Structures are given as structure tokens and as C-alpha cells.
C-alpha atoms as a PDB file:
ATOM      1  CA  MET A   1     -20.668  -9.361 -35.363  1.00  0.00           C
ATOM      2  CA  PRO A   2     -18.139  -6.854 -33.967  1.00  0.00           C
ATOM      3  CA  LYS A   3     -19.669  -3.947 -32.164  1.00  0.00           C
ATOM      4  CA  PRO A   4     -18.708  -0.640 -33.841  1.00  0.00           C
ATOM      5  CA  THR A   5     -17.133   2.115 -31.769  1.00  0.00           C
ATOM      6  CA  LYS A   6     -19.485   4.817 -30.584  1.00  0.00           C
ATOM      7  CA  GLY A   7     -19.179   8.387 -31.700  1.00  0.00           C
ATOM      8  CA  ALA A   8     -17.393   9.846 -34.676  1.00  0.00           C
ATOM      9  CA  ARG A   9     -15.103   7.555 -36.632  1.00  0.00           C
ATOM     10  CA  LEU A  10     -11.701   8.538 -37.906  1.00  0.00           C
ATOM     11  CA  GLY A  11     -12.494   8.216 -41.585  1.00  0.00           C
ATOM     12  CA  GLY A  12     -16.259   8.254 -41.827  1.00  0.00           C
ATOM     13  CA  SER A  13     -17.549   4.703 -42.146  1.00  0.00           C
ATOM     14  CA  PRO A  14     -16.502   1.742 -39.992  1.00  0.00           C
ATOM     15  CA  ALA A  15     -14.870   0.080 -43.006  1.00  0.00           C
ATOM     16  CA  HIS A  16     -12.815   3.176 -43.758  1.00  0.00           C
ATOM     17  CA  GLN A  17     -11.722   3.433 -40.120  1.00  0.00           C
ATOM     18  CA  ARG A  18     -10.664  -0.231 -40.078  1.00  0.00           C
ATOM     19  CA  LEU A  19      -8.618   0.212 -43.246  1.00  0.00           C
ATOM     20  CA  LEU A  20      -7.100   3.469 -41.961  1.00  0.00           C
ATOM     21  CA  LEU A  21      -5.979   1.795 -38.715  1.00  0.00           C
ATOM     22  CA  ALA A  22      -4.628  -1.205 -40.638  1.00  0.00           C
ATOM     23  CA  ASN A  23      -2.572   1.115 -42.843  1.00  0.00           C
ATOM     24  CA  LEU A  24      -1.272   3.030 -39.803  1.00  0.00           C
ATOM     25  CA  ALA A  25      -0.248  -0.244 -38.117  1.00  0.00           C
ATOM     26  CA  THR A  26       1.463  -1.409 -41.319  1.00  0.00           C
ATOM     27  CA  GLN A  27       3.450   1.819 -41.554  1.00  0.00           C
ATOM     28  CA  LEU A  28       4.332   1.637 -37.855  1.00  0.00           C
ATOM     29  CA  PHE A  29       5.789  -1.864 -38.233  1.00  0.00           C
ATOM     30  CA  GLU A  30       7.537  -0.967 -41.479  1.00  0.00           C
ATOM     31  CA  HIS A  31       9.197   2.250 -40.288  1.00  0.00           C
ATOM     32  CA  GLY A  32       9.305   1.844 -36.502  1.00  0.00           C
ATOM     33  CA  ARG A  33       7.716   5.257 -35.874  1.00  0.00           C
ATOM     34  CA  ILE A  34       5.099   7.401 -37.545  1.00  0.00           C
ATOM     35  CA  THR A  35       3.846  10.955 -37.082  1.00  0.00           C
ATOM     36  CA  THR A  36       0.059  11.265 -37.003  1.00  0.00           C
ATOM     37  CA  THR A  37      -2.693  13.018 -35.082  1.00  0.00           C
ATOM     38  CA  GLU A  38      -3.138  12.220 -31.402  1.00  0.00           C
ATOM     39  CA  ALA A  39      -6.563  10.689 -32.001  1.00  0.00           C
ATOM     40  CA  LYS A  40      -5.233   8.301 -34.661  1.00  0.00           C
ATOM     41  CA  ALA A  41      -2.206   7.428 -32.504  1.00  0.00           C
ATOM     42  CA  ARG A  42      -4.448   6.594 -29.561  1.00  0.00           C
ATOM     43  CA  ARG A  43      -6.681   4.443 -31.776  1.00  0.00           C
ATOM     44  CA  VAL A  44      -3.858   2.514 -33.496  1.00  0.00           C
ATOM     45  CA  ARG A  45      -1.956   1.738 -30.270  1.00  0.00           C
ATOM     46  CA  PRO A  46      -4.221  -1.110 -29.003  1.00  0.00           C
ATOM     47  CA  LEU A  47      -4.358  -2.629 -32.489  1.00  0.00           C
ATOM     48  CA  ALA A  48      -0.561  -2.591 -32.830  1.00  0.00           C
ATOM     49  CA  GLU A  49      -0.086  -4.073 -29.340  1.00  0.00           C
ATOM     50  CA  LYS A  50      -2.514  -6.910 -30.092  1.00  0.00           C
ATOM     51  CA  LEU A  51      -0.772  -7.671 -33.378  1.00  0.00           C
ATOM     52  CA  ILE A  52       2.640  -7.793 -31.654  1.00  0.00           C
ATOM     53  CA  THR A  53       1.210 -10.129 -29.001  1.00  0.00           C
ATOM     54  CA  LYS A  54      -0.082 -12.429 -31.732  1.00  0.00           C
ATOM     55  CA  ALA A  55       3.298 -12.285 -33.468  1.00  0.00           C
ATOM     56  CA  LYS A  56       5.016 -13.264 -30.198  1.00  0.00           C
ATOM     57  CA  ARG A  57       3.054 -16.529 -30.219  1.00  0.00           C
ATOM     58  CA  GLY A  58       4.356 -17.136 -33.723  1.00  0.00           C
ATOM     59  CA  ASP A  59       2.158 -20.013 -34.884  1.00  0.00           C
ATOM     60  CA  LEU A  60       0.364 -20.305 -38.214  1.00  0.00           C
ATOM     61  CA  HIS A  61      -3.061 -19.405 -36.823  1.00  0.00           C
ATOM     62  CA  ASN A  62      -1.794 -16.132 -35.370  1.00  0.00           C
ATOM     63  CA  ARG A  63       0.138 -15.354 -38.562  1.00  0.00           C
ATOM     64  CA  ARG A  64      -3.087 -15.717 -40.568  1.00  0.00           C
ATOM     65  CA  GLN A  65      -4.966 -13.508 -38.107  1.00  0.00           C
ATOM     66  CA  VAL A  66      -2.296 -10.826 -38.470  1.00  0.00           C
ATOM     67  CA  LEU A  67      -2.456 -11.185 -42.266  1.00  0.00           C
ATOM     68  CA  ARG A  68      -6.170 -10.342 -42.092  1.00  0.00           C
ATOM     69  CA  VAL A  69      -5.236  -6.891 -40.772  1.00  0.00           C
ATOM     70  CA  ILE A  70      -1.839  -6.269 -42.365  1.00  0.00           C
ATOM     71  CA  ARG A  71      -1.975  -7.321 -45.991  1.00  0.00           C
ATOM     72  CA  ASP A  72       1.690  -6.714 -46.807  1.00  0.00           C
ATOM     73  CA  LYS A  73       3.486 -10.067 -46.428  1.00  0.00           C
ATOM     74  CA  SER A  74       6.927  -8.487 -46.108  1.00  0.00           C
ATOM     75  CA  VAL A  75       5.749  -6.379 -43.150  1.00  0.00           C
ATOM     76  CA  VAL A  76       4.166  -9.450 -41.535  1.00  0.00           C
ATOM     77  CA  HIS A  77       7.417 -11.351 -42.021  1.00  0.00           C
ATOM     78  CA  GLU A  78       9.358  -8.479 -40.401  1.00  0.00           C
ATOM     79  CA  LEU A  79       6.841  -8.400 -37.531  1.00  0.00           C
ATOM     80  CA  PHE A  80       7.206 -12.122 -36.829  1.00  0.00           C
ATOM     81  CA  THR A  81      10.984 -12.440 -37.327  1.00  0.00           C
ATOM     82  CA  GLU A  82      12.404  -9.130 -36.063  1.00  0.00           C
ATOM     83  CA  ILE A  83       9.887  -7.159 -34.000  1.00  0.00           C
ATOM     84  CA  ALA A  84       8.201  -9.917 -31.958  1.00  0.00           C
ATOM     85  CA  PRO A  85      11.458 -11.556 -30.717  1.00  0.00           C
ATOM     86  CA  ARG A  86      12.618  -8.135 -29.477  1.00  0.00           C
ATOM     87  CA  TYR A  87       9.626  -8.052 -27.078  1.00  0.00           C
ATOM     88  CA  GLU A  88       9.808 -11.684 -25.972  1.00  0.00           C
ATOM     89  CA  ASN A  89      10.258 -10.850 -22.270  1.00  0.00           C
ATOM     90  CA  ARG A  90       8.070  -7.733 -22.259  1.00  0.00           C
ATOM     91  CA  PRO A  91       4.494  -8.316 -21.016  1.00  0.00           C
ATOM     92  CA  GLY A  92       3.012  -5.408 -22.992  1.00  0.00           C
ATOM     93  CA  GLY A  93       3.700  -1.748 -23.594  1.00  0.00           C
ATOM     94  CA  TYR A  94       5.354  -2.196 -26.977  1.00  0.00           C
ATOM     95  CA  THR A  95       4.527   1.316 -28.239  1.00  0.00           C
ATOM     96  CA  ARG A  96       5.076   4.849 -27.004  1.00  0.00           C
ATOM     97  CA  ILE A  97       3.083   7.966 -27.904  1.00  0.00           C
ATOM     98  CA  THR A  98       4.853  11.333 -27.666  1.00  0.00           C
ATOM     99  CA  LYS A  99       2.933  14.571 -28.243  1.00  0.00           C
ATOM    100  CA  ILE A 100       4.770  16.991 -30.530  1.00  0.00           C
ATOM    101  CA  GLY A 101       2.460  20.010 -30.701  1.00  0.00           C
ATOM    102  CA  PRO A 102      -0.083  21.293 -33.197  1.00  0.00           C
ATOM    103  CA  ARG A 103       0.128  20.870 -36.966  1.00  0.00           C
ATOM    104  CA  ARG A 104       0.650  23.932 -39.097  1.00  0.00           C
ATOM    105  CA  GLY A 105      -2.387  24.748 -41.142  1.00  0.00           C
ATOM    106  CA  ASP A 106      -5.280  23.254 -39.196  1.00  0.00           C
ATOM    107  CA  ASN A 107      -3.790  23.281 -35.645  1.00  0.00           C
ATOM    108  CA  ALA A 108      -4.526  19.551 -35.177  1.00  0.00           C
ATOM    109  CA  PRO A 109      -2.702  18.054 -32.175  1.00  0.00           C
ATOM    110  CA  MET A 110       0.081  15.833 -33.505  1.00  0.00           C
ATOM    111  CA  ALA A 111       1.907  12.889 -31.930  1.00  0.00           C
ATOM    112  CA  VAL A 112       4.639  10.415 -32.742  1.00  0.00           C
ATOM    113  CA  ILE A 113       3.846   6.766 -32.103  1.00  0.00           C
ATOM    114  CA  GLU A 114       6.887   4.505 -32.065  1.00  0.00           C
ATOM    115  CA  LEU A 115       7.922   1.011 -31.125  1.00  0.00           C
ATOM    116  CA  VAL A 116       9.799   0.894 -27.824  1.00  0.00           C
ATOM    117  CA  ARG A 117      13.433  -0.072 -28.419  1.00  0.00           C
ATOM    118  CA  GLU A 118      14.771  -0.009 -24.848  1.00  0.00           C
ATOM    119  CA  PRO A 119      14.993  -3.351 -23.053  1.00  0.00           C
ATOM    120  CA  LEU A 120      12.682  -3.953 -20.146  1.00  0.00           C
ATOM    121  CA  ALA A 121      14.196  -2.786 -16.843  1.00  0.00           C
ATOM    122  CA  ALA A 122      15.139  -5.603 -14.463  1.00  0.00           C
ATOM    123  CA  SER A 123      13.202  -4.083 -11.560  1.00  0.00           C
ATOM    124  CA  THR A 124       9.889  -4.098 -13.452  1.00  0.00           C
ATOM    125  CA  GLY A 125       8.160  -7.176 -14.708  1.00  0.00           C
ATOM    126  CA  THR A 126       5.461  -9.646 -13.882  1.00  0.00           C
ATOM    127  CA  ALA A 127       6.188  -9.829 -10.132  1.00  0.00           C
ATOM    128  CA  PRO A 128       6.574  -6.310  -8.739  1.00  0.00           C
ATOM    129  CA  ALA A 129       4.709  -7.280  -5.559  1.00  0.00           C
ATOM    130  CA  ALA A 130       7.148 -10.121  -4.894  1.00  0.00           C
ATOM    131  CA  ALA A 131      10.109  -7.756  -4.624  1.00  0.00           C
ATOM    132  CA  PRO A 132       9.032  -6.149  -1.299  1.00  0.00           C
ATOM    133  CA  ALA A 133       8.303  -9.604   0.101  1.00  0.00           C
ATOM    134  CA  GLU A 134      11.791 -10.767  -0.873  1.00  0.00           C
ATOM    135  CA  LYS A 135      13.327  -7.673   0.727  1.00  0.00           C
ATOM    136  CA  ALA A 136      11.368  -8.322   3.905  1.00  0.00           C
ATOM    137  CA  GLU A 137      12.587 -11.923   3.955  1.00  0.00           C
ATOM    138  CA  GLU A 138      16.180 -10.750   3.497  1.00  0.00           C
ATOM    139  CA  LYS A 139      15.799  -8.277   6.371  1.00  0.00           C
ATOM    140  CA  THR A 140      14.403 -10.955   8.686  1.00  0.00           C
ATOM    141  CA  GLU A 141      17.216 -13.292   7.702  1.00  0.00           C
ATOM    142  CA  GLU A 142      19.758 -10.548   8.410  1.00  0.00           C
ATOM    143  CA  LYS A 143      18.134  -9.854  11.786  1.00  0.00           C
ATOM    144  CA  ALA A 144      18.175 -13.567  12.630  1.00  0.00           C
ATOM    145  CA  ASP A 145      21.838 -13.845  11.617  1.00  0.00           C
ATOM    146  CA  LEU A 146      22.652 -10.755  13.666  1.00  0.00           C
ATOM    147  CA  ALA A 147      20.803 -12.152  16.701  1.00  0.00           C
ATOM    148  CA  LYS A 148      22.621 -15.489  16.361  1.00  0.00           C
ATOM    149  CA  SER A 149      25.989 -13.789  16.111  1.00  0.00           C
ATOM    150  CA  GLU A 150      25.178 -11.645  19.160  1.00  0.00           C
ATOM    151  CA  GLU A 151      24.153 -14.764  21.107  1.00  0.00           C
ATOM    152  CA  THR A 152      27.387 -16.542  20.134  1.00  0.00           C
ATOM    153  CA  GLU A 153      29.426 -13.473  21.052  1.00  0.00           C
ATOM    154  CA  ALA A 154      27.614 -13.236  24.391  1.00  0.00           C
ATOM    155  CA  ALA A 155      28.198 -16.935  25.072  1.00  0.00           C
ATOM    156  CA  GLU A 156      31.871 -16.617  24.110  1.00  0.00           C
ATOM    157  CA  SER A 157      32.327 -13.553  26.316  1.00  0.00           C
ATOM    158  CA  ALA A 158      30.570 -15.376  29.184  1.00  0.00           C
ATOM    159  CA  ASP A 159      32.907 -18.365  28.705  1.00  0.00           C
ATOM    160  CA  GLU A 160      35.906 -16.021  28.630  1.00  0.00           C
ATOM    161  CA  ALA A 161      34.678 -14.296  31.780  1.00  0.00           C
ATOM    162  CA  LYS A 162      34.298 -17.676  33.538  1.00  0.00           C
ATOM    163  CA  ALA A 163      37.779 -18.720  32.401  1.00  0.00           C
ATOM    164  CA  GLU A 164      39.255 -15.429  33.632  1.00  0.00           C
ATOM    165  CA  ALA A 165      37.448 -15.778  36.962  1.00  0.00           C
ATOM    166  CA  LYS A 166      38.734 -19.326  37.318  1.00  0.00           C
ATOM    167  CA  ASP A 167      42.279 -18.185  36.449  1.00  0.00           C
ATOM    168  CA  ALA A 168      41.990 -15.360  38.962  1.00  0.00           C
ATOM    169  CA  ALA A 169      40.741 -17.783  41.635  1.00  0.00           C
ATOM    170  CA  ASP A 170      43.613 -20.190  40.860  1.00  0.00           C
ATOM    171  CA  GLU A 171      46.139 -17.360  41.078  1.00  0.00           C
ATOM    172  CA  ALA A 172      44.600 -16.241  44.356  1.00  0.00           C
ATOM    173  CA  GLU A 173      44.917 -19.759  45.771  1.00  0.00           C
ATOM    174  CA  ASN A 174      48.492 -20.000  44.540  1.00  0.00           C
ATOM    175  CA  ALA A 175      49.248 -16.627  46.116  1.00  0.00           C
ATOM    176  CA  GLU A 176      47.756 -17.776  49.433  1.00  0.00           C
ATOM    177  CA  GLY A 177      49.711 -21.017  49.261  1.00  0.00           C
ATOM    178  CA  ASP A 178      52.951 -19.135  48.567  1.00  0.00           C
ATOM    179  CA  ALA A 179      52.222 -16.695  51.393  1.00  0.00           C
ATOM    180  CA  LYS A 180      51.911 -19.509  53.969  1.00  0.00           C
END
């Protein structure tokens, strides 16, 4: 049996809260963004993210699990065919909550919860720790290449110096031979 959340519920009973969150998630997937209270936005976010993750898998079992929460078949179809493929390469963080200030009348803090439309940045992803390691490897490779080029330049300059010394010695011998 699922353990109910502690404290006050959004609608009164656990059943009413579950239905309220299901309706909020349905409206979020149908419209892309909804304006609600901050408390409801914070509570619907994990539910919406889990449903999108199930839709990304796309099999019949996950479709039936999503249909248990969202009872509108057209919204489920939109979730599986349009929304889930958009987040195929994103490992989470499908929604964004933006606070918009208090509501007129009862001063309740309001927020907009929306589906993220921007593509995932190339620098972020599943391997952020690998990026510094790759940079370190590139730096060591550059240093090794630089050291090799310096060694070759030093060897070439040493060979040139030997050749110049030999030429100078030959010229000196020729000059001595001409002087005699």
C-alpha cells in the first residue's frame, strides 16, 4: 500500500490530492504550461517528470501505467508521440517552475510550471566529470608534442652546429693549405 504524504494535503483527502495532481499533470501536458500555486507546482513536478520518463520508454506496460494517472487518451497519445521524443537525450529536468508573485485576492504565492523547450546544452549531460579528464589528457598530449618538437629542434640545431663547425674547420684547412 502506498504510504501517504505527511502533513496537510492539497485537497483534503489523499484521493482528492491524487486526482488534483493527475488533473494538473494532464493540463500541463495538454497546454505545455500552467499557472498554479507554488505548493501545487512543487507537488506536480515529480509526478510529471516520472510520467515523461515512462513515456520515453514507450512500451505498452508504461503506456498503461501512464493511463492509470492521466485518463485522457488524447493527452497520453500526445505525451508518447510528441513530448517524450523531444526529451530523448535529456536525463531529467523536463519541467521548470517560475515564481510569478502573489495572487490577487488571497495573496497566495503563484508559479508557472512549464515543459522545458530548449535543447540540452552540449556541455552538460551524463558525463560532466569526464570533461576535465579529457582536457587534462589533451594538455598532456600538447605538452608531450611540444617537448618532442623542442627535442627535434634541439637535435636539428645541434646537427646544424656540427655541420657549420665542420665547414669552418674545412675552410680553415683550405686557408692554411692556400697560405703555404
